[in-house]
Amino acid sequence: MTAGGSGALTTRLFAPERGPRPQRPYPRDAEVPHTPLRPIWCCRADGQPWPCGQARLLLRVEYDGNLPGLSIYLAGLMYDAMRDLYHLNPHDAPTPATLFTRFIAWVRCRPA
């Protein structure tokens, strides 16, 4: 690929765009949904770090029988959270291990 027709190769990568807005877990009735408040990634309903305990329960029910799908969904949101949190405060953001534990480690794909 050339930049401006000069014959030089470009090494600049495009920044990824923001992913889709998390719509899960779905709210019940008129409750405030347990979805993340971005870019700080706390729960809209209870202010806990998202996914909060209630969001985890609702996600487990919603993805019943599809825990690999839940892990993939949460991995995408973890990426978005990592980008947002490091952008807000690069010196005091959670470590990647902390975010992995928070977003993905609680989803265990146990054999039947």
Protein backbone atom coordinates (compact mmCIF):
# COMPACT_ATOMS: atom_id res chain seq x y z
CA MET A 1 0.00 0.00 0.00
CA THR A 2 1.42 3.40 -0.87
CA ALA A 3 0.78 6.64 0.94
CA GLY A 4 -0.06 9.52 -1.36
CA GLY A 5 1.34 7.75 -4.41
CA SER A 6 4.92 8.32 -3.22
CA GLY A 7 5.77 4.65 -3.38
CA ALA A 8 6.48 4.50 0.37
CA LEU A 9 4.78 1.88 2.47
CA THR A 10 2.63 3.10 5.29
CA THR A 11 2.84 1.54 8.73
CA ARG A 12 0.03 3.55 10.27
CA LEU A 13 -2.84 1.40 11.49
CA PHE A 14 -6.35 2.72 11.78
CA ALA A 15 -7.69 3.03 15.31
CA PRO A 16 -10.57 0.64 15.99
CA GLU A 17 -13.98 2.23 16.22
CA ARG A 18 -16.18 1.99 19.27
CA GLY A 19 -17.91 -1.33 19.46
CA PRO A 20 -21.66 -1.84 19.74
CA ARG A 21 -23.40 -0.54 22.83
CA PRO A 22 -23.96 -3.33 25.35
CA GLN A 23 -27.64 -4.15 25.42
CA ARG A 24 -27.36 -7.04 27.84
CA PRO A 25 -28.51 -8.01 30.32
CA TYR A 26 -32.00 -6.95 29.30
CA PRO A 27 -33.90 -4.93 31.91
CA ARG A 28 -37.09 -6.27 33.44
CA ASP A 29 -40.14 -4.01 33.65
CA ALA A 30 -39.27 -0.41 34.58
CA GLU A 31 -36.05 -1.21 36.45
CA VAL A 32 -32.84 0.62 35.72
CA PRO A 33 -30.90 -1.86 33.58
CA HIS A 34 -27.73 -3.47 34.91
CA THR A 35 -25.75 -2.29 31.88
CA PRO A 36 -22.40 -0.50 31.96
CA LEU A 37 -22.20 3.26 32.26
CA ARG A 38 -19.47 4.16 29.82
CA PRO A 39 -16.69 5.27 29.88
CA ILE A 40 -16.29 4.56 33.61
CA TRP A 41 -17.70 1.01 33.40
CA CYS A 42 -19.82 0.96 36.51
CA CYS A 43 -23.33 -0.46 36.68
CA ARG A 44 -26.13 1.98 35.87
CA ALA A 45 -28.38 0.42 38.52
CA ASP A 46 -26.14 -0.01 41.56
CA GLY A 47 -22.86 1.79 40.81
CA GLN A 48 -20.70 -1.31 41.28
CA PRO A 49 -17.93 -2.18 38.80
CA TRP A 50 -19.64 -3.74 35.80
CA PRO A 51 -20.50 -6.57 35.45
CA CYS A 52 -22.01 -6.36 38.92
CA GLY A 53 -23.36 -9.42 40.70
CA GLN A 54 -26.90 -8.89 39.38
CA ALA A 55 -25.64 -8.38 35.81
CA ARG A 56 -23.64 -11.61 36.07
CA LEU A 57 -26.72 -13.52 37.18
CA LEU A 58 -28.85 -12.03 34.40
CA LEU A 59 -26.17 -12.73 31.78
CA ARG A 60 -25.84 -16.34 32.97
CA VAL A 61 -29.59 -16.82 32.61
CA GLU A 62 -29.68 -15.10 29.21
CA TYR A 63 -26.77 -17.16 27.86
CA ASP A 64 -27.91 -20.42 29.47
CA GLY A 65 -26.40 -23.25 27.44
CA ASN A 66 -24.08 -20.89 25.53
CA LEU A 67 -21.27 -20.04 27.94
CA PRO A 68 -18.69 -19.83 25.12
CA GLY A 69 -20.92 -17.20 23.50
CA LEU A 70 -21.09 -15.31 26.81
CA SER A 71 -17.29 -15.41 27.09
CA ILE A 72 -16.92 -14.02 23.57
CA TYR A 73 -19.45 -11.26 24.25
CA LEU A 74 -17.68 -10.28 27.48
CA ALA A 75 -14.25 -10.40 25.84
CA GLY A 76 -15.39 -7.74 23.37
CA LEU A 77 -16.72 -5.59 26.20
CA MET A 78 -13.49 -6.11 28.16
CA TYR A 79 -11.57 -4.72 25.19
CA ASP A 80 -13.84 -1.66 25.10
CA ALA A 81 -13.51 -1.18 28.87
CA MET A 82 -9.73 -1.47 28.68
CA ARG A 83 -9.60 1.21 26.00
CA ASP A 84 -12.01 3.53 27.84
CA LEU A 85 -10.40 3.15 31.27
CA TYR A 86 -6.85 3.59 29.99
CA HIS A 87 -7.96 6.63 28.02
CA LEU A 88 -9.54 8.19 31.14
CA ASN A 89 -6.56 7.60 33.40
CA PRO A 90 -3.56 5.79 31.88
CA HIS A 91 -1.58 5.90 35.15
CA ASP A 92 -4.20 4.40 37.46
CA ALA A 93 -6.26 2.13 35.20
CA PRO A 94 -6.93 -1.48 36.22
CA THR A 95 -4.37 -4.04 35.12
CA PRO A 96 -5.24 -6.40 32.26
CA ALA A 97 -5.33 -9.28 34.77
CA THR A 98 -7.82 -7.38 36.93
CA LEU A 99 -10.05 -6.69 33.94
CA PHE A 100 -9.83 -10.34 32.84
CA THR A 101 -10.93 -11.46 36.30
CA ARG A 102 -13.72 -8.89 36.36
CA PHE A 103 -15.11 -9.61 32.89
CA ILE A 104 -14.29 -13.18 31.91
CA ALA A 105 -12.85 -15.37 34.67
CA TRP A 106 -16.19 -15.77 36.45
CA VAL A 107 -17.67 -17.49 33.37
CA ARG A 108 -16.60 -21.09 33.73
CA CYS A 109 -17.33 -23.45 30.87
CA ARG A 110 -17.71 -26.64 32.83
CA PRO A 111 -17.98 -29.97 31.01
CA ALA A 112 -21.40 -31.59 31.23
